[in-house]
Amino acid sequence: MGEVVNLRLARKAAARKAKEADAAANRAAHGRTRTERTATRAEEARITRLLDGAHREGTD
């Protein structure tokens, strides 16, 4: 037979796990220096320009 599980406790554990994952994502996004944020934005802009430059017209 399977193990008896208290659904209320399982639901709370899942909520805690999801909240911790959100907190980790926020720490990664907001726990950076201004220089790191600026470098990331510059890299994203460079990639966007590169992809826009490689776009072929009339292939839609």
PDB file of N, CA and C in Angstrom:
ATOM      1  N   MET A   1       0.820  -1.175   0.000  1.00  0.00           N
ATOM      2  CA  MET A   1       0.000   0.000   0.000  1.00  0.00           C
ATOM      3  C   MET A   1       0.870   1.248   0.000  1.00  0.00           C
ATOM      4  N   GLY A   2       0.314   2.297  -0.519  1.00  0.00           N
ATOM      5  CA  GLY A   2       1.044   3.550  -0.559  1.00  0.00           C
ATOM      6  C   GLY A   2       1.033   4.275   0.766  1.00  0.00           C
ATOM      7  N   GLU A   3       1.831   5.275   0.843  1.00  0.00           N
ATOM      8  CA  GLU A   3       1.951   6.062   2.065  1.00  0.00           C
ATOM      9  C   GLU A   3       0.788   7.047   2.164  1.00  0.00           C
ATOM     10  N   VAL A   4       0.273   7.238   3.351  1.00  0.00           N
ATOM     11  CA  VAL A   4      -0.808   8.187   3.575  1.00  0.00           C
ATOM     12  C   VAL A   4      -0.213   9.593   3.596  1.00  0.00           C
ATOM     13  N   VAL A   5      -0.819  10.503   2.806  1.00  0.00           N
ATOM     14  CA  VAL A   5      -0.297  11.859   2.677  1.00  0.00           C
ATOM     15  C   VAL A   5      -1.361  12.850   3.107  1.00  0.00           C
ATOM     16  N   ASN A   6      -0.974  13.771   3.962  1.00  0.00           N
ATOM     17  CA  ASN A   6      -1.869  14.839   4.368  1.00  0.00           C
ATOM     18  C   ASN A   6      -1.841  15.894   3.261  1.00  0.00           C
ATOM     19  N   LEU A   7      -2.952  16.049   2.556  1.00  0.00           N
ATOM     20  CA  LEU A   7      -2.987  16.950   1.402  1.00  0.00           C
ATOM     21  C   LEU A   7      -2.743  18.404   1.786  1.00  0.00           C
ATOM     22  N   ARG A   8      -3.210  18.810   2.960  1.00  0.00           N
ATOM     23  CA  ARG A   8      -2.995  20.189   3.396  1.00  0.00           C
ATOM     24  C   ARG A   8      -1.503  20.461   3.546  1.00  0.00           C
ATOM     25  N   LEU A   9      -0.794  19.529   4.165  1.00  0.00           N
ATOM     26  CA  LEU A   9       0.650  19.714   4.334  1.00  0.00           C
ATOM     27  C   LEU A   9       1.383  19.647   2.999  1.00  0.00           C
ATOM     28  N   ALA A  10       0.927  18.779   2.117  1.00  0.00           N
ATOM     29  CA  ALA A  10       1.555  18.669   0.795  1.00  0.00           C
ATOM     30  C   ALA A  10       1.351  19.957   0.000  1.00  0.00           C
ATOM     31  N   ARG A  11       0.147  20.527   0.097  1.00  0.00           N
ATOM     32  CA  ARG A  11      -0.144  21.771  -0.607  1.00  0.00           C
ATOM     33  C   ARG A  11       0.715  22.915  -0.067  1.00  0.00           C
ATOM     34  N   LYS A  12       0.860  22.976   1.243  1.00  0.00           N
ATOM     35  CA  LYS A  12       1.685  24.020   1.851  1.00  0.00           C
ATOM     36  C   LYS A  12       3.156  23.855   1.466  1.00  0.00           C
ATOM     37  N   ALA A  13       3.631  22.617   1.413  1.00  0.00           N
ATOM     38  CA  ALA A  13       5.021  22.362   1.021  1.00  0.00           C
ATOM     39  C   ALA A  13       5.253  22.786  -0.426  1.00  0.00           C
ATOM     40  N   ALA A  14       4.282  22.513  -1.291  1.00  0.00           N
ATOM     41  CA  ALA A  14       4.411  22.913  -2.693  1.00  0.00           C
ATOM     42  C   ALA A  14       4.411  24.429  -2.818  1.00  0.00           C
ATOM     43  N   ALA A  15       3.581  25.098  -2.028  1.00  0.00           N
ATOM     44  CA  ALA A  15       3.539  26.561  -2.057  1.00  0.00           C
ATOM     45  C   ALA A  15       4.865  27.140  -1.578  1.00  0.00           C
ATOM     46  N   ARG A  16       5.440  26.550  -0.526  1.00  0.00           N
ATOM     47  CA  ARG A  16       6.744  27.022  -0.032  1.00  0.00           C
ATOM     48  C   ARG A  16       7.821  26.849  -1.096  1.00  0.00           C
ATOM     49  N   LYS A  17       7.782  25.714  -1.786  1.00  0.00           N
ATOM     50  CA  LYS A  17       8.783  25.440  -2.822  1.00  0.00           C
ATOM     51  C   LYS A  17       8.657  26.441  -3.973  1.00  0.00           C
ATOM     52  N   ALA A  18       7.427  26.755  -4.383  1.00  0.00           N
ATOM     53  CA  ALA A  18       7.208  27.727  -5.453  1.00  0.00           C
ATOM     54  C   ALA A  18       7.651  29.119  -5.024  1.00  0.00           C
ATOM     55  N   LYS A  19       7.361  29.466  -3.771  1.00  0.00           N
ATOM     56  CA  LYS A  19       7.749  30.780  -3.263  1.00  0.00           C
ATOM     57  C   LYS A  19       9.274  30.903  -3.220  1.00  0.00           C
ATOM     58  N   GLU A  20       9.960  29.839  -2.832  1.00  0.00           N
ATOM     59  CA  GLU A  20      11.422  29.849  -2.794  1.00  0.00           C
ATOM     60  C   GLU A  20      12.001  29.990  -4.207  1.00  0.00           C
ATOM     61  N   ALA A  21      11.371  29.348  -5.193  1.00  0.00           N
ATOM     62  CA  ALA A  21      11.840  29.466  -6.572  1.00  0.00           C
ATOM     63  C   ALA A  21      11.679  30.904  -7.062  1.00  0.00           C
ATOM     64  N   ASP A  22      10.544  31.547  -6.720  1.00  0.00           N
ATOM     65  CA  ASP A  22      10.336  32.949  -7.091  1.00  0.00           C
ATOM     66  C   ASP A  22      11.373  33.847  -6.426  1.00  0.00           C
ATOM     67  N   ALA A  23      11.661  33.573  -5.155  1.00  0.00           N
ATOM     68  CA  ALA A  23      12.644  34.367  -4.428  1.00  0.00           C
ATOM     69  C   ALA A  23      14.029  34.217  -5.058  1.00  0.00           C
ATOM     70  N   ALA A  24      14.372  33.017  -5.477  1.00  0.00           N
ATOM     71  CA  ALA A  24      15.672  32.796  -6.113  1.00  0.00           C
ATOM     72  C   ALA A  24      15.764  33.564  -7.431  1.00  0.00           C
ATOM     73  N   ALA A  25      14.673  33.575  -8.195  1.00  0.00           N
ATOM     74  CA  ALA A  25      14.668  34.322  -9.452  1.00  0.00           C
ATOM     75  C   ALA A  25      14.805  35.812  -9.183  1.00  0.00           C
ATOM     76  N   ASN A  26      14.130  36.317  -8.162  1.00  0.00           N
ATOM     77  CA  ASN A  26      14.239  37.737  -7.819  1.00  0.00           C
ATOM     78  C   ASN A  26      15.643  38.087  -7.344  1.00  0.00           C
ATOM     79  N   ARG A  27      16.257  37.193  -6.581  1.00  0.00           N
ATOM     80  CA  ARG A  27      17.632  37.453  -6.140  1.00  0.00           C
ATOM     81  C   ARG A  27      18.568  37.531  -7.335  1.00  0.00           C
ATOM     82  N   ALA A  28      18.359  36.669  -8.310  1.00  0.00           N
ATOM     83  CA  ALA A  28      19.215  36.676  -9.502  1.00  0.00           C
ATOM     84  C   ALA A  28      18.987  37.936 -10.320  1.00  0.00           C
ATOM     85  N   ALA A  29      17.745  38.395 -10.412  1.00  0.00           N
ATOM     86  CA  ALA A  29      17.434  39.556 -11.243  1.00  0.00           C
ATOM     87  C   ALA A  29      17.802  40.867 -10.564  1.00  0.00           C
ATOM     88  N   HIS A  30      17.592  40.962  -9.269  1.00  0.00           N
ATOM     89  CA  HIS A  30      17.755  42.246  -8.592  1.00  0.00           C
ATOM     90  C   HIS A  30      19.013  42.333  -7.733  1.00  0.00           C
ATOM     91  N   GLY A  31      19.701  41.267  -7.553  1.00  0.00           N
ATOM     92  CA  GLY A  31      20.873  41.271  -6.696  1.00  0.00           C
ATOM     93  C   GLY A  31      22.159  41.482  -7.470  1.00  0.00           C
ATOM     94  N   ARG A  32      22.105  42.311  -8.498  1.00  0.00           N
ATOM     95  CA  ARG A  32      23.284  42.542  -9.323  1.00  0.00           C
ATOM     96  C   ARG A  32      23.715  44.004  -9.240  1.00  0.00           C
ATOM     97  N   THR A  33      24.961  44.254  -9.546  1.00  0.00           N
ATOM     98  CA  THR A  33      25.468  45.619  -9.525  1.00  0.00           C
ATOM     99  C   THR A  33      24.995  46.365 -10.767  1.00  0.00           C
ATOM    100  N   ARG A  34      25.118  47.675 -10.728  1.00  0.00           N
ATOM    101  CA  ARG A  34      24.717  48.498 -11.869  1.00  0.00           C
ATOM    102  C   ARG A  34      25.535  48.121 -13.110  1.00  0.00           C
ATOM    103  N   THR A  35      26.801  47.840 -12.925  1.00  0.00           N
ATOM    104  CA  THR A  35      27.657  47.468 -14.054  1.00  0.00           C
ATOM    105  C   THR A  35      27.180  46.173 -14.696  1.00  0.00           C
ATOM    106  N   GLU A  36      26.803  45.192 -13.885  1.00  0.00           N
ATOM    107  CA  GLU A  36      26.309  43.923 -14.428  1.00  0.00           C
ATOM    108  C   GLU A  36      24.998  44.117 -15.181  1.00  0.00           C
ATOM    109  N   ARG A  37      24.091  44.933 -14.627  1.00  0.00           N
ATOM    110  CA  ARG A  37      22.822  45.194 -15.311  1.00  0.00           C
ATOM    111  C   ARG A  37      23.060  45.903 -16.634  1.00  0.00           C
ATOM    112  N   THR A  38      23.960  46.885 -16.641  1.00  0.00           N
ATOM    113  CA  THR A  38      24.263  47.626 -17.863  1.00  0.00           C
ATOM    114  C   THR A  38      24.878  46.708 -18.909  1.00  0.00           C
ATOM    115  N   ALA A  39      25.778  45.842 -18.495  1.00  0.00           N
ATOM    116  CA  ALA A  39      26.410  44.905 -19.424  1.00  0.00           C
ATOM    117  C   ALA A  39      25.384  43.951 -20.014  1.00  0.00           C
ATOM    118  N   THR A  40      24.455  43.485 -19.197  1.00  0.00           N
ATOM    119  CA  THR A  40      23.408  42.580 -19.685  1.00  0.00           C
ATOM    120  C   THR A  40      22.521  43.278 -20.706  1.00  0.00           C
ATOM    121  N   ARG A  41      22.128  44.515 -20.402  1.00  0.00           N
ATOM    122  CA  ARG A  41      21.287  45.270 -21.349  1.00  0.00           C
ATOM    123  C   ARG A  41      22.028  45.504 -22.667  1.00  0.00           C
ATOM    124  N   ALA A  42      23.320  45.830 -22.592  1.00  0.00           N
ATOM    125  CA  ALA A  42      24.106  46.062 -23.797  1.00  0.00           C
ATOM    126  C   ALA A  42      24.207  44.779 -24.624  1.00  0.00           C
ATOM    127  N   GLU A  43      24.387  43.652 -23.966  1.00  0.00           N
ATOM    128  CA  GLU A  43      24.486  42.370 -24.674  1.00  0.00           C
ATOM    129  C   GLU A  43      23.155  42.018 -25.343  1.00  0.00           C
ATOM    130  N   GLU A  44      22.046  42.255 -24.636  1.00  0.00           N
ATOM    131  CA  GLU A  44      20.736  41.991 -25.227  1.00  0.00           C
ATOM    132  C   GLU A  44      20.485  42.890 -26.431  1.00  0.00           C
ATOM    133  N   ALA A  45      20.888  44.149 -26.355  1.00  0.00           N
ATOM    134  CA  ALA A  45      20.725  45.080 -27.474  1.00  0.00           C
ATOM    135  C   ALA A  45      21.582  44.639 -28.660  1.00  0.00           C
ATOM    136  N   ARG A  46      22.800  44.172 -28.382  1.00  0.00           N
ATOM    137  CA  ARG A  46      23.684  43.711 -29.452  1.00  0.00           C
ATOM    138  C   ARG A  46      23.076  42.503 -30.166  1.00  0.00           C
ATOM    139  N   ILE A  47      22.530  41.576 -29.407  1.00  0.00           N
ATOM    140  CA  ILE A  47      21.923  40.382 -29.994  1.00  0.00           C
ATOM    141  C   ILE A  47      20.704  40.763 -30.832  1.00  0.00           C
ATOM    142  N   THR A  48      19.901  41.699 -30.321  1.00  0.00           N
ATOM    143  CA  THR A  48      18.721  42.152 -31.059  1.00  0.00           C
ATOM    144  C   THR A  48      19.126  42.795 -32.380  1.00  0.00           C
ATOM    145  N   ARG A  49      20.142  43.646 -32.342  1.00  0.00           N
ATOM    146  CA  ARG A  49      20.619  44.281 -33.585  1.00  0.00           C
ATOM    147  C   ARG A  49      21.134  43.236 -34.558  1.00  0.00           C
ATOM    148  N   LEU A  50      21.852  42.244 -34.061  1.00  0.00           N
ATOM    149  CA  LEU A  50      22.398  41.196 -34.915  1.00  0.00           C
ATOM    150  C   LEU A  50      21.277  40.404 -35.584  1.00  0.00           C
ATOM    151  N   LEU A  51      20.252  40.043 -34.823  1.00  0.00           N
ATOM    152  CA  LEU A  51      19.148  39.281 -35.389  1.00  0.00           C
ATOM    153  C   LEU A  51      18.326  40.123 -36.354  1.00  0.00           C
ATOM    154  N   ASP A  52      18.104  41.393 -36.033  1.00  0.00           N
ATOM    155  CA  ASP A  52      17.345  42.264 -36.928  1.00  0.00           C
ATOM    156  C   ASP A  52      18.104  42.493 -38.239  1.00  0.00           C
ATOM    157  N   GLY A  53      19.420  42.540 -38.161  1.00  0.00           N
ATOM    158  CA  GLY A  53      20.226  42.724 -39.357  1.00  0.00           C
ATOM    159  C   GLY A  53      20.227  41.492 -40.255  1.00  0.00           C
ATOM    160  N   ALA A  54      20.002  40.325 -39.677  1.00  0.00           N
ATOM    161  CA  ALA A  54      20.017  39.084 -40.442  1.00  0.00           C
ATOM    162  C   ALA A  54      18.628  38.717 -40.968  1.00  0.00           C
ATOM    163  N   HIS A  55      17.627  39.530 -40.644  1.00  0.00           N
ATOM    164  CA  HIS A  55      16.257  39.241 -41.058  1.00  0.00           C
ATOM    165  C   HIS A  55      16.125  39.405 -42.575  1.00  0.00           C
ATOM    166  N   ARG A  56      15.522  38.414 -43.208  1.00  0.00           N
ATOM    167  CA  ARG A  56      15.316  38.478 -44.661  1.00  0.00           C
ATOM    168  C   ARG A  56      13.926  39.021 -44.931  1.00  0.00           C
ATOM    169  N   GLU A  57      13.840  39.985 -45.803  1.00  0.00           N
ATOM    170  CA  GLU A  57      12.563  40.600 -46.155  1.00  0.00           C
ATOM    171  C   GLU A  57      11.802  39.710 -47.141  1.00  0.00           C
ATOM    172  N   GLY A  58      10.494  39.720 -47.033  1.00  0.00           N
ATOM    173  CA  GLY A  58       9.656  39.017 -47.989  1.00  0.00           C
ATOM    174  C   GLY A  58       9.543  37.531 -47.762  1.00  0.00           C
ATOM    175  N   THR A  59       9.969  37.010 -46.631  1.00  0.00           N
ATOM    176  CA  THR A  59       9.860  35.575 -46.378  1.00  0.00           C
ATOM    177  C   THR A  59       8.621  35.248 -45.567  1.00  0.00           C
ATOM    178  N   ASP A  60       7.747  36.216 -45.325  1.00  0.00           N
ATOM    179  CA  ASP A  60       6.555  35.997 -44.495  1.00  0.00           C
ATOM    180  C   ASP A  60       5.550  35.182 -45.195  1.00  0.00           C
TER     181      ASP A  60
END
